[in-house]
Amino acid sequence: MDETKIPILVGSGQITQREPDVERALSPIDLTAAAARKAIEDTGAGDTLLKSIDTMVLIRSFSDTSWRFKCPFGKYSNPPLSLANRLGAENVKHHIYTHPGGNMPQWCVNRMFEMIARGEMEIGMIAGGEALATQKNAQRKKTKLNWDEDIGDQFKEWGIDKRGWSNIEDRHGMAGAIFAYPMIENAIRGNENRSIEDHSLAMGKLFSKFASIAANNPLADRRQSFSANEIASVNSDNPYIGFPYTKLMNSNAFIDQSAALILTSVAKAKELNIPRDKWVYLHGCADAYDHWFLSDRINFYSSPAMSVVARETFEMADCTIDDIDLIDLYSCFPSAVEIACNEMEISQDDPRGLTITGGLPYFGGPGNNYVTHSIAEMIDKVRSRPGSKGLITANGNYITKQSAGIYSTEPIDKQFSPKNPSIYQAEINSKKGPSFTEFASGKAVIETYTIIHDREGPSFGIIFGRLEDDSRFIANTSNDIDLMLKMTTEDFLGVSGNVKNSEGINIFTPK
């Protein structure tokens, strides 16, 4: 094979910042640059490699993604160029900033490997970082930081520029992960036919294994090794965020973390004298997405896209799940792991474990960039176990955008050529959910639901329901604290009632 067109990963770097002095702490771009320098150092090629980087991809920050994390201290007008300037990477031809999605690091690896295989790039970097802990601390201390950088110039954008919720979902308060995933979780509980208490303990048991891995990872933010009961128990230190999720079941976004990866070809690695024990190959990969809005899904407890991505990834790698030695499943909330296990036929008690980092609630959930960390960690793991295979899954939006990769130091014996995702995306698109009614009225039953909490307790309820004609609708509960409290202690899945619309908002009232 033409070695100029055999793509490999040759460098990785990670940083977790724990600087309490907000004025001394690194800004998001400076923190990202620190991880990038570690990745360059990891290759052993130093400045020679740095001067040869032609493609710079920066994973979109949470401050540019969600209103919940908007930064009050300024904005980078061209994030990938800011990073290149800090590194002294003067010969970058392609400055790329991604659209949102936890799938984007793996998606970008897949695309950049294709570019190398087609001869469209020689050396690329994928990097990302968040300083939300410092941002939050500065806001609490009323300290003004200067994270503003207007350097002009244009950059390309990769990914899909489309928010994860519809206008009607937005009107009913389902405008983010902390609102959507709890609804998915309760649907899973219903499909498993579990009580609220039993399912809560099952989630605690699942995530306690992630917490135990984080406890032994010096880069992890939470290293307390929480027990199943500690994760599942609702108290002042671990309140509900969105029922049935406690605080310790939610992705931990308020951290300062960054990671970076270096990609090139076998020929370029040889030219730069990068040792062979640094080389990591991507044996299989795939990307797909489920119906964009939850309202349109077949159900809320499965993911056709995740199933197809797993199938295509293993087919390309010519292996099965039994051939995998190391696993890191995307773990923003328990439902993401539970669905991945179901779709990939992995036991939740798999002795290989389901994470190599500790997962997003315990290792840390640095916005869209977690999977850059999991890939960096996987690079280290497979290097230390030559010939082993490691599976990474990546998830964007609300069990929506799916990507996966299988990594190994074992060379591939064929041209890197993933199947065009459009070939199998049509299969997923054809599986349509029930018809959706925007303005709902009449008798109805609850399909799934959540009760969103604030510091004082229950704040509002969101339900998906079905009308008598089996069409689906979204609604809120009434502003009845007693009802909302009852819905967190008694099972309301399948409960019947009436729904009516008032000024564009559907309100469901149980019988």
Protein backbone atom coordinates (compact mmCIF):
# COMPACT_ATOMS: atom_id res chain seq x y z
CA MET A 1 0.00 0.00 0.00
CA ASP A 2 1.01 3.63 -0.53
CA GLU A 3 2.35 4.68 2.88
CA THR A 4 1.53 8.33 2.19
CA LYS A 5 -2.14 7.31 2.33
CA ILE A 6 -2.13 5.08 5.42
CA PRO A 7 -3.45 7.28 8.28
CA ILE A 8 -2.31 6.90 11.89
CA LEU A 9 -2.54 8.71 15.21
CA VAL A 10 0.90 9.58 16.55
CA GLY A 11 0.37 11.95 19.48
CA SER A 12 -1.98 12.69 22.35
CA GLY A 13 -2.08 15.08 25.29
CA GLN A 14 -4.46 15.82 28.15
CA ILE A 15 -4.64 18.49 30.85
CA THR A 16 -6.85 18.85 33.93
CA GLN A 17 -6.45 22.26 35.56
CA ARG A 18 -7.15 22.71 39.27
CA GLU A 19 -5.96 26.28 39.77
CA PRO A 20 -8.07 28.00 42.48
CA ASP A 21 -6.78 31.49 41.63
CA VAL A 22 -8.99 32.52 38.71
CA GLU A 23 -6.54 35.21 37.62
CA ARG A 24 -3.69 32.68 37.37
CA ALA A 25 -5.76 29.94 35.74
CA LEU A 26 -5.32 29.35 32.03
CA SER A 27 -8.03 30.59 29.68
CA PRO A 28 -9.83 28.01 27.47
CA ILE A 29 -7.51 28.57 24.49
CA ASP A 30 -4.37 28.66 26.62
CA LEU A 31 -5.47 25.45 28.34
CA THR A 32 -6.10 23.85 24.95
CA ALA A 33 -2.67 24.99 23.75
CA ALA A 34 -1.08 23.30 26.80
CA ALA A 35 -2.68 19.96 25.82
CA ALA A 36 -1.64 20.51 22.20
CA ARG A 37 1.98 21.00 23.24
CA LYS A 38 1.82 17.74 25.21
CA ALA A 39 0.49 15.96 22.12
CA ILE A 40 3.33 17.36 20.00
CA GLU A 41 5.86 16.36 22.66
CA ASP A 42 4.32 12.88 22.73
CA THR A 43 5.23 12.33 19.07
CA GLY A 44 8.91 13.03 19.73
CA ALA A 45 9.07 15.09 16.53
CA GLY A 46 8.88 18.51 18.20
CA ASP A 47 9.13 21.71 16.17
CA THR A 48 9.62 19.86 12.90
CA LEU A 49 6.13 18.38 13.23
CA LEU A 50 4.67 21.65 14.52
CA LYS A 51 5.81 23.54 11.44
CA SER A 52 4.26 20.86 9.22
CA ILE A 53 0.71 20.94 10.62
CA ASP A 54 -1.57 21.85 7.73
CA THR A 55 -5.00 21.21 9.28
CA MET A 56 -6.13 22.55 12.65
CA VAL A 57 -9.51 21.35 13.99
CA LEU A 58 -10.87 22.84 17.20
CA ILE A 59 -13.88 21.25 18.91
CA ARG A 60 -16.58 23.82 19.56
CA SER A 61 -16.61 25.23 23.10
CA PHE A 62 -19.68 25.04 25.32
CA SER A 63 -19.70 28.85 25.57
CA ASP A 64 -20.37 28.91 21.81
CA THR A 65 -22.86 26.04 22.07
CA SER A 66 -25.38 26.60 24.85
CA TRP A 67 -27.03 29.57 26.51
CA ARG A 68 -26.44 27.81 29.83
CA PHE A 69 -22.65 28.18 29.47
CA LYS A 70 -22.32 31.51 27.67
CA CYS A 71 -19.07 33.19 28.67
CA PRO A 72 -19.28 36.74 30.14
CA PHE A 73 -15.56 37.36 29.65
CA GLY A 74 -15.35 37.71 25.88
CA LYS A 75 -15.24 35.59 22.75
CA TYR A 76 -12.63 34.20 20.35
CA SER A 77 -13.47 35.38 16.84
CA ASN A 78 -11.41 32.60 15.23
CA PRO A 79 -10.72 29.82 17.75
CA PRO A 80 -8.63 27.51 15.51
CA LEU A 81 -6.43 30.41 14.41
CA SER A 82 -6.01 31.55 18.03
CA LEU A 83 -4.79 28.06 18.89
CA ALA A 84 -2.44 27.91 15.89
CA ASN A 85 -0.98 31.29 16.83
CA ARG A 86 -0.29 30.20 20.40
CA LEU A 87 1.50 27.11 19.18
CA GLY A 88 3.45 28.87 16.47
CA ALA A 89 1.89 26.60 13.84
CA GLU A 90 2.55 28.97 10.97
CA ASN A 91 1.79 26.75 7.98
CA VAL A 92 -1.79 25.71 8.75
CA LYS A 93 -3.88 25.85 5.58
CA HIS A 94 -7.20 24.68 6.99
CA HIS A 95 -8.61 26.29 10.15
CA ILE A 96 -11.72 24.37 11.20
CA TYR A 97 -14.20 24.92 14.04
CA THR A 98 -16.82 22.24 14.60
CA HIS A 99 -20.52 22.54 15.14
CA PRO A 100 -21.76 21.18 18.50
CA GLY A 101 -21.93 17.51 19.44
CA GLY A 102 -20.23 15.04 21.72
CA ASN A 103 -19.77 12.87 18.62
CA MET A 104 -17.57 15.44 16.89
CA PRO A 105 -14.09 14.34 18.09
CA GLN A 106 -14.58 10.82 16.70
CA TRP A 107 -16.38 12.20 13.63
CA CYS A 108 -13.39 14.46 12.99
CA VAL A 109 -10.90 11.59 13.35
CA ASN A 110 -12.95 9.66 10.79
CA ARG A 111 -12.99 12.59 8.34
CA MET A 112 -9.31 13.45 8.76
CA PHE A 113 -8.25 9.83 8.25
CA GLU A 114 -10.21 9.93 5.00
CA MET A 115 -8.42 13.14 4.01
CA ILE A 116 -5.02 11.54 4.65
CA ALA A 117 -6.06 8.47 2.67
CA ARG A 118 -7.05 10.72 -0.25
CA GLY A 119 -3.82 12.72 -0.03
CA GLU A 120 -5.62 15.92 1.03
CA MET A 121 -3.60 16.54 4.21
CA GLU A 122 -0.29 15.46 5.74
CA ILE A 123 -0.47 16.37 9.42
CA GLY A 124 -3.52 17.43 11.37
CA MET A 125 -4.43 18.29 14.94
CA ILE A 126 -7.74 17.87 16.75
CA ALA A 127 -7.98 19.78 20.02
CA GLY A 128 -10.48 21.21 22.44
CA GLY A 129 -10.75 22.59 25.92
CA GLU A 130 -13.06 24.08 28.51
CA ALA A 131 -12.42 26.30 31.51
CA LEU A 132 -15.96 26.33 32.89
CA ALA A 133 -14.80 25.75 36.48
CA THR A 134 -12.67 28.88 36.31
CA GLN A 135 -15.45 30.76 34.53
CA LYS A 136 -17.96 29.81 37.24
CA ASN A 137 -15.52 30.63 40.08
CA ALA A 138 -14.76 34.03 38.56
CA GLN A 139 -18.47 34.80 38.27
CA ARG A 140 -19.02 33.83 41.90
CA LYS A 141 -16.11 36.01 43.01
CA LYS A 142 -17.24 38.81 40.68
CA THR A 143 -13.80 38.83 39.09
CA LYS A 144 -13.64 40.10 35.52
CA LEU A 145 -11.41 38.09 33.20
CA ASN A 146 -10.35 39.04 29.69
CA TRP A 147 -10.95 36.12 27.36
CA ASP A 148 -11.76 38.31 24.36
CA GLU A 149 -9.72 37.90 21.19
CA ASP A 150 -10.80 39.40 17.87
CA ILE A 151 -8.26 38.40 15.22
CA GLY A 152 -10.63 38.29 12.27
CA ASP A 153 -10.12 35.88 9.38
CA GLN A 154 -12.45 33.11 8.40
CA PHE A 155 -12.59 29.45 9.31
CA LYS A 156 -14.43 26.41 8.00
CA GLU A 157 -17.10 24.70 10.04
CA TRP A 158 -17.60 20.94 10.25
CA GLY A 159 -20.68 19.05 11.36
CA ILE A 160 -24.37 19.88 11.30
CA ASP A 161 -25.58 23.38 12.13
CA LYS A 162 -28.89 22.45 13.68
CA ARG A 163 -30.00 22.58 17.30
CA GLY A 164 -31.13 19.38 18.95
CA TRP A 165 -34.71 20.34 19.81
CA SER A 166 -37.73 21.59 17.85
CA ASN A 167 -39.63 24.82 18.35
CA ILE A 168 -42.50 23.05 20.08
CA GLU A 169 -40.11 21.13 22.34
CA ASP A 170 -38.52 24.47 23.15
CA ARG A 171 -41.89 26.00 24.08
CA HIS A 172 -42.37 23.21 26.62
CA GLY A 173 -38.94 23.67 28.23
CA MET A 174 -37.16 20.71 26.66
CA ALA A 175 -34.20 22.77 25.45
CA GLY A 176 -31.10 20.89 26.51
CA ALA A 177 -29.59 17.62 27.66
CA ILE A 178 -30.65 17.93 31.30
CA PHE A 179 -34.29 18.07 30.13
CA ALA A 180 -34.19 15.42 27.39
CA TYR A 181 -32.13 12.58 28.88
CA PRO A 182 -34.30 12.12 31.99
CA MET A 183 -37.27 11.52 29.68
CA ILE A 184 -35.25 8.91 27.81
CA GLU A 185 -34.32 7.31 31.13
CA ASN A 186 -37.88 6.94 32.36
CA ALA A 187 -38.78 5.32 29.04
CA ILE A 188 -35.96 2.83 29.59
CA ARG A 189 -37.30 2.13 33.08
CA GLY A 190 -40.74 1.45 31.61
CA ASN A 191 -39.32 -0.87 28.99
CA GLU A 192 -37.44 -2.75 31.73
CA ASN A 193 -40.63 -2.86 33.84
CA ARG A 194 -38.81 -1.60 36.92
CA SER A 195 -40.02 0.40 39.90
CA ILE A 196 -38.57 3.87 40.46
CA GLU A 197 -36.54 2.63 43.43
CA ASP A 198 -35.19 -0.46 41.66
CA HIS A 199 -34.21 1.49 38.57
CA SER A 200 -32.51 4.20 40.61
CA LEU A 201 -30.36 1.60 42.34
CA ALA A 202 -29.58 -0.03 38.98
CA MET A 203 -28.35 3.33 37.66
CA GLY A 204 -26.31 3.81 40.82
CA LYS A 205 -24.73 0.38 40.41
CA LEU A 206 -23.90 1.06 36.77
CA PHE A 207 -22.26 4.42 37.44
CA SER A 208 -20.46 3.32 40.61
CA LYS A 209 -18.21 1.28 38.31
CA PHE A 210 -17.41 4.43 36.34
CA ALA A 211 -16.68 6.30 39.57
CA SER A 212 -14.26 3.57 40.66
CA ILE A 213 -12.26 3.99 37.42
CA ALA A 214 -12.19 7.78 37.92
CA ALA A 215 -10.88 7.27 41.45
CA ASN A 216 -7.69 5.80 39.97
CA ASN A 217 -7.32 8.34 37.16
CA PRO A 218 -5.19 11.35 38.20
CA LEU A 219 -6.83 13.43 35.44
CA ALA A 220 -10.35 12.82 36.78
CA ASP A 221 -12.25 15.65 38.47
CA ARG A 222 -14.23 13.53 40.95
CA ARG A 223 -12.09 10.82 42.52
CA GLN A 224 -14.23 9.86 45.51
CA SER A 225 -15.26 6.40 44.20
CA PHE A 226 -18.97 6.91 44.94
CA SER A 227 -21.00 3.83 45.87
CA ALA A 228 -24.23 2.85 44.15
CA ASN A 229 -26.25 4.11 47.12
CA GLU A 230 -24.38 7.43 47.20
CA ILE A 231 -25.10 7.98 43.50
CA ALA A 232 -28.75 6.94 43.77
CA SER A 233 -29.68 8.60 47.09
CA VAL A 234 -31.47 11.94 46.87
CA ASN A 235 -30.27 14.48 49.45
CA SER A 236 -29.11 18.08 49.76
CA ASP A 237 -25.67 17.22 48.37
CA ASN A 238 -27.07 15.01 45.62
CA PRO A 239 -30.45 16.47 44.63
CA TYR A 240 -32.52 15.64 41.61
CA ILE A 241 -31.61 17.71 38.54
CA GLY A 242 -34.15 16.18 36.22
CA PHE A 243 -36.00 13.21 37.74
CA PRO A 244 -34.90 10.38 37.82
CA TYR A 245 -31.33 11.76 37.66
CA THR A 246 -29.50 12.90 40.75
CA LYS A 247 -26.60 15.33 40.49
CA LEU A 248 -24.08 12.46 40.46
CA MET A 249 -25.78 10.93 37.41
CA ASN A 250 -25.28 14.07 35.31
CA SER A 251 -22.31 14.91 33.11
CA ASN A 252 -19.98 17.17 35.08
CA ALA A 253 -19.47 20.18 32.81
CA PHE A 254 -17.93 22.60 35.30
CA ILE A 255 -14.33 21.46 34.92
CA ASP A 256 -11.13 22.80 33.33
CA GLN A 257 -9.94 20.14 30.90
CA SER A 258 -8.32 20.02 27.48
CA ALA A 259 -7.06 17.34 25.10
CA ALA A 260 -5.37 17.12 21.71
CA LEU A 261 -4.57 14.50 19.06
CA ILE A 262 -2.01 14.42 16.21
CA LEU A 263 -2.79 12.57 12.97
CA THR A 264 -0.57 11.88 9.98
CA SER A 265 0.43 9.17 7.51
CA VAL A 266 2.83 6.27 7.92
CA ALA A 267 5.14 7.86 5.35
CA LYS A 268 5.20 11.21 7.16
CA ALA A 269 5.72 9.52 10.53
CA LYS A 270 8.76 7.73 9.10
CA GLU A 271 10.06 11.00 7.63
CA LEU A 272 9.74 12.65 11.05
CA ASN A 273 11.29 9.66 12.83
CA ILE A 274 8.23 9.14 15.02
CA PRO A 275 8.80 5.76 16.73
CA ARG A 276 6.59 2.90 15.58
CA ASP A 277 5.45 2.23 19.14
CA LYS A 278 3.67 5.61 18.94
CA TRP A 279 1.57 4.62 15.91
CA VAL A 280 -2.13 3.84 16.41
CA TYR A 281 -4.41 2.74 13.58
CA LEU A 282 -8.17 3.19 13.21
CA HIS A 283 -9.45 -0.24 12.16
CA GLY A 284 -13.13 0.60 11.87
CA CYS A 285 -15.42 3.60 12.15
CA ALA A 286 -18.91 4.80 11.26
CA ASP A 287 -21.24 7.79 11.73
CA ALA A 288 -25.03 8.09 11.69
CA TYR A 289 -27.89 9.88 13.40
CA ASP A 290 -31.36 9.07 14.64
CA HIS A 291 -34.38 11.25 13.88
CA TRP A 292 -33.24 14.68 14.96
CA PHE A 293 -36.03 15.54 17.41
CA LEU A 294 -37.15 13.29 20.25
CA SER A 295 -40.74 13.94 19.16
CA ASP A 296 -40.09 11.92 15.99
CA ARG A 297 -38.44 8.82 17.48
CA ILE A 298 -39.95 5.34 17.25
CA ASN A 299 -39.52 5.12 21.01
CA PHE A 300 -37.32 6.69 23.67
CA TYR A 301 -35.44 3.60 24.84
CA SER A 302 -33.55 2.51 21.72
CA SER A 303 -31.23 3.94 19.06
CA PRO A 304 -31.34 2.52 15.53
CA ALA A 305 -28.39 4.78 14.67
CA MET A 306 -26.26 3.35 17.47
CA SER A 307 -27.06 -0.18 16.34
CA VAL A 308 -26.16 0.58 12.72
CA VAL A 309 -22.97 2.42 13.67
CA ALA A 310 -21.86 -0.55 15.76
CA ARG A 311 -22.61 -2.96 12.92
CA GLU A 312 -20.73 -0.88 10.34
CA THR A 313 -17.76 -0.21 12.62
CA PHE A 314 -17.25 -3.89 13.43
CA GLU A 315 -17.75 -4.87 9.81
CA MET A 316 -15.07 -2.44 8.65
CA ALA A 317 -12.70 -3.66 11.38
CA ASP A 318 -13.49 -7.30 10.53
CA CYS A 319 -14.05 -8.18 14.19
CA THR A 320 -16.80 -8.53 16.78
CA ILE A 321 -17.37 -7.14 20.25
CA ASP A 322 -15.73 -10.29 21.61
CA ASP A 323 -12.44 -9.21 19.98
CA ILE A 324 -12.42 -5.88 21.82
CA ASP A 325 -10.09 -5.57 24.82
CA LEU A 326 -10.88 -2.02 25.98
CA ILE A 327 -14.16 -0.09 25.93
CA ASP A 328 -15.19 3.51 26.50
CA LEU A 329 -18.91 4.12 26.08
CA TYR A 330 -20.14 7.71 25.98
CA SER A 331 -21.60 8.30 29.41
CA CYS A 332 -23.17 11.76 29.73
CA PHE A 333 -26.11 10.13 31.57
CA PRO A 334 -26.95 6.52 32.48
CA SER A 335 -29.37 6.23 29.53
CA ALA A 336 -26.56 6.77 27.01
CA VAL A 337 -24.67 3.79 28.47
CA GLU A 338 -27.75 1.60 28.87
CA ILE A 339 -28.85 2.11 25.27
CA ALA A 340 -25.30 1.54 23.98
CA CYS A 341 -25.10 -1.73 25.90
CA ASN A 342 -28.45 -2.87 24.51
CA GLU A 343 -27.67 -1.90 20.92
CA MET A 344 -24.15 -3.37 20.97
CA GLU A 345 -25.05 -6.45 23.03
CA ILE A 346 -22.63 -5.57 25.82
CA SER A 347 -23.46 -6.60 29.37
CA GLN A 348 -23.60 -3.75 31.88
CA ASP A 349 -21.46 -6.05 34.06
CA ASP A 350 -18.92 -6.74 31.31
CA PRO A 351 -15.64 -7.66 33.04
CA ARG A 352 -13.71 -5.47 30.58
CA GLY A 353 -15.45 -2.44 32.03
CA LEU A 354 -17.36 0.23 30.11
CA THR A 355 -14.98 3.17 30.55
CA ILE A 356 -11.25 3.81 30.55
CA THR A 357 -11.45 7.39 31.87
CA GLY A 358 -14.17 7.28 34.52
CA GLY A 359 -16.89 8.80 32.35
CA LEU A 360 -18.40 12.25 32.02
CA PRO A 361 -19.92 12.54 35.53
CA TYR A 362 -16.66 11.61 37.31
CA PHE A 363 -13.70 12.01 34.97
CA GLY A 364 -15.32 15.18 33.64
CA GLY A 365 -17.58 16.25 30.84
CA PRO A 366 -15.71 19.03 29.04
CA GLY A 367 -18.49 20.10 26.71
CA ASN A 368 -18.26 18.66 23.22
CA ASN A 369 -14.66 17.59 23.83
CA TYR A 370 -14.93 14.54 26.14
CA VAL A 371 -14.25 12.04 23.35
CA THR A 372 -10.96 13.77 22.49
CA HIS A 373 -9.97 12.73 26.04
CA SER A 374 -11.28 9.18 25.64
CA ILE A 375 -9.39 8.77 22.35
CA ALA A 376 -6.22 10.20 23.93
CA GLU A 377 -6.63 7.77 26.82
CA MET A 378 -7.28 4.89 24.42
CA ILE A 379 -4.10 5.74 22.51
CA ASP A 380 -2.15 5.33 25.76
CA LYS A 381 -3.96 2.10 26.63
CA VAL A 382 -3.46 0.30 23.31
CA ARG A 383 0.18 1.45 23.12
CA SER A 384 0.77 -0.19 26.51
CA ARG A 385 -0.89 -3.39 25.25
CA PRO A 386 0.41 -3.82 21.68
CA GLY A 387 -2.06 -5.61 19.43
CA SER A 388 -5.06 -4.95 21.67
CA LYS A 389 -8.21 -3.35 20.29
CA GLY A 390 -10.11 -0.48 21.90
CA LEU A 391 -13.68 0.64 21.15
CA ILE A 392 -14.74 4.28 21.50
CA THR A 393 -18.35 5.45 21.14
CA ALA A 394 -19.37 9.09 20.79
CA ASN A 395 -22.82 10.59 21.15
CA GLY A 396 -24.17 14.02 20.25
CA ASN A 397 -27.41 15.78 21.19
CA TYR A 398 -29.95 13.40 22.78
CA ILE A 399 -28.98 9.87 21.68
CA THR A 400 -29.01 11.47 18.24
CA LYS A 401 -25.63 11.70 16.51
CA GLN A 402 -23.56 8.53 16.81
CA SER A 403 -19.93 7.85 15.94
CA ALA A 404 -17.59 4.99 16.82
CA GLY A 405 -14.00 3.92 16.30
CA ILE A 406 -11.87 0.84 16.92
CA TYR A 407 -8.21 1.58 17.71
CA SER A 408 -5.13 -0.64 17.74
CA THR A 409 -1.36 -0.57 17.27
CA GLU A 410 -1.84 -3.50 14.89
CA PRO A 411 -1.36 -2.25 11.30
CA ILE A 412 -4.26 -2.42 8.88
CA ASP A 413 -3.80 -4.52 5.77
CA LYS A 414 -6.15 -2.64 3.45
CA GLN A 415 -6.86 0.87 2.25
CA PHE A 416 -8.63 3.05 4.81
CA SER A 417 -12.02 3.49 3.19
CA PRO A 418 -15.11 3.69 5.40
CA LYS A 419 -18.49 3.18 3.81
CA ASN A 420 -20.26 6.41 2.87
CA PRO A 421 -22.69 7.06 5.78
CA SER A 422 -25.47 8.01 3.35
CA ILE A 423 -25.64 4.33 2.33
CA TYR A 424 -26.87 3.20 5.75
CA GLN A 425 -28.44 6.47 6.91
CA ALA A 426 -31.44 5.82 4.66
CA GLU A 427 -32.12 2.61 6.61
CA ILE A 428 -32.36 4.63 9.83
CA ASN A 429 -34.47 7.41 8.31
CA SER A 430 -37.06 4.89 7.12
CA LYS A 431 -37.92 3.85 10.67
CA LYS A 432 -40.44 6.53 11.47
CA GLY A 433 -42.14 7.24 14.78
CA PRO A 434 -45.83 8.00 15.35
CA SER A 435 -47.47 11.09 13.91
CA PHE A 436 -47.01 14.18 16.05
CA THR A 437 -49.76 16.56 17.18
CA GLU A 438 -48.60 20.09 17.96
CA PHE A 439 -51.81 21.37 19.57
CA ALA A 440 -53.08 18.47 21.66
CA SER A 441 -56.57 18.10 23.12
CA GLY A 442 -58.52 15.22 24.62
CA LYS A 443 -57.95 11.99 26.49
CA ALA A 444 -54.33 10.88 26.66
CA VAL A 445 -51.77 8.70 28.42
CA ILE A 446 -48.19 9.43 29.50
CA GLU A 447 -45.51 7.80 27.33
CA THR A 448 -42.59 9.19 29.35
CA TYR A 449 -41.88 12.19 31.56
CA THR A 450 -39.51 14.09 33.79
CA ILE A 451 -39.78 16.54 36.66
CA ILE A 452 -37.16 19.29 36.40
CA HIS A 453 -35.80 20.58 39.71
CA ASP A 454 -34.16 23.81 40.79
CA ARG A 455 -32.57 24.70 44.15
CA GLU A 456 -35.96 24.84 45.83
CA GLY A 457 -37.25 21.53 44.49
CA PRO A 458 -39.64 20.60 41.65
CA SER A 459 -39.83 23.38 39.08
CA PHE A 460 -41.85 22.04 36.13
CA GLY A 461 -42.81 18.78 34.48
CA ILE A 462 -42.48 17.67 30.86
CA ILE A 463 -44.26 14.69 29.37
CA PHE A 464 -44.51 12.93 26.05
CA GLY A 465 -47.95 11.41 25.68
CA ARG A 466 -50.25 9.65 23.26
CA LEU A 467 -53.75 10.70 22.25
CA GLU A 468 -56.57 8.24 21.56
CA ASP A 469 -55.55 8.09 17.89
CA ASP A 470 -52.03 7.07 19.06
CA SER A 471 -50.48 10.31 17.86
CA ARG A 472 -47.74 11.73 20.10
CA PHE A 473 -47.63 15.14 21.80
CA ILE A 474 -45.43 17.02 24.24
CA ALA A 475 -46.90 18.81 27.23
CA ASN A 476 -46.17 20.31 30.61
CA THR A 477 -47.82 19.42 33.88
CA SER A 478 -49.68 22.06 35.82
CA ASN A 479 -47.66 24.10 38.29
CA ASP A 480 -48.74 21.85 41.16
CA ILE A 481 -45.89 21.08 43.56
CA ASP A 482 -47.75 18.20 45.21
CA LEU A 483 -48.39 16.58 41.82
CA MET A 484 -44.76 16.97 40.75
CA LEU A 485 -43.49 15.50 44.02
CA LYS A 486 -45.91 12.60 43.59
CA MET A 487 -44.58 11.97 40.07
CA THR A 488 -41.07 11.42 41.52
CA THR A 489 -42.24 8.80 44.04
CA GLU A 490 -45.06 7.05 42.16
CA ASP A 491 -44.87 5.62 38.66
CA PHE A 492 -46.77 7.83 36.21
CA LEU A 493 -45.76 5.94 33.06
CA GLY A 494 -48.97 4.93 31.28
CA VAL A 495 -51.14 7.11 33.54
CA SER A 496 -54.19 8.45 31.75
CA GLY A 497 -55.62 11.95 31.88
CA ASN A 498 -56.56 14.88 29.69
CA VAL A 499 -54.51 17.34 27.69
CA LYS A 500 -55.53 20.75 26.46
CA ASN A 501 -53.74 23.57 24.66
CA SER A 502 -53.55 27.15 25.82
CA GLU A 503 -51.64 29.75 23.81
CA GLY A 504 -49.42 27.13 22.19
CA ILE A 505 -48.64 25.22 25.42
CA ASN A 506 -50.11 21.77 26.01
CA ILE A 507 -51.02 21.02 29.64
CA PHE A 508 -51.56 17.45 30.78
CA THR A 509 -53.68 16.73 33.84
CA PRO A 510 -53.76 13.16 35.19
CA LYS A 511 -57.06 11.68 36.33
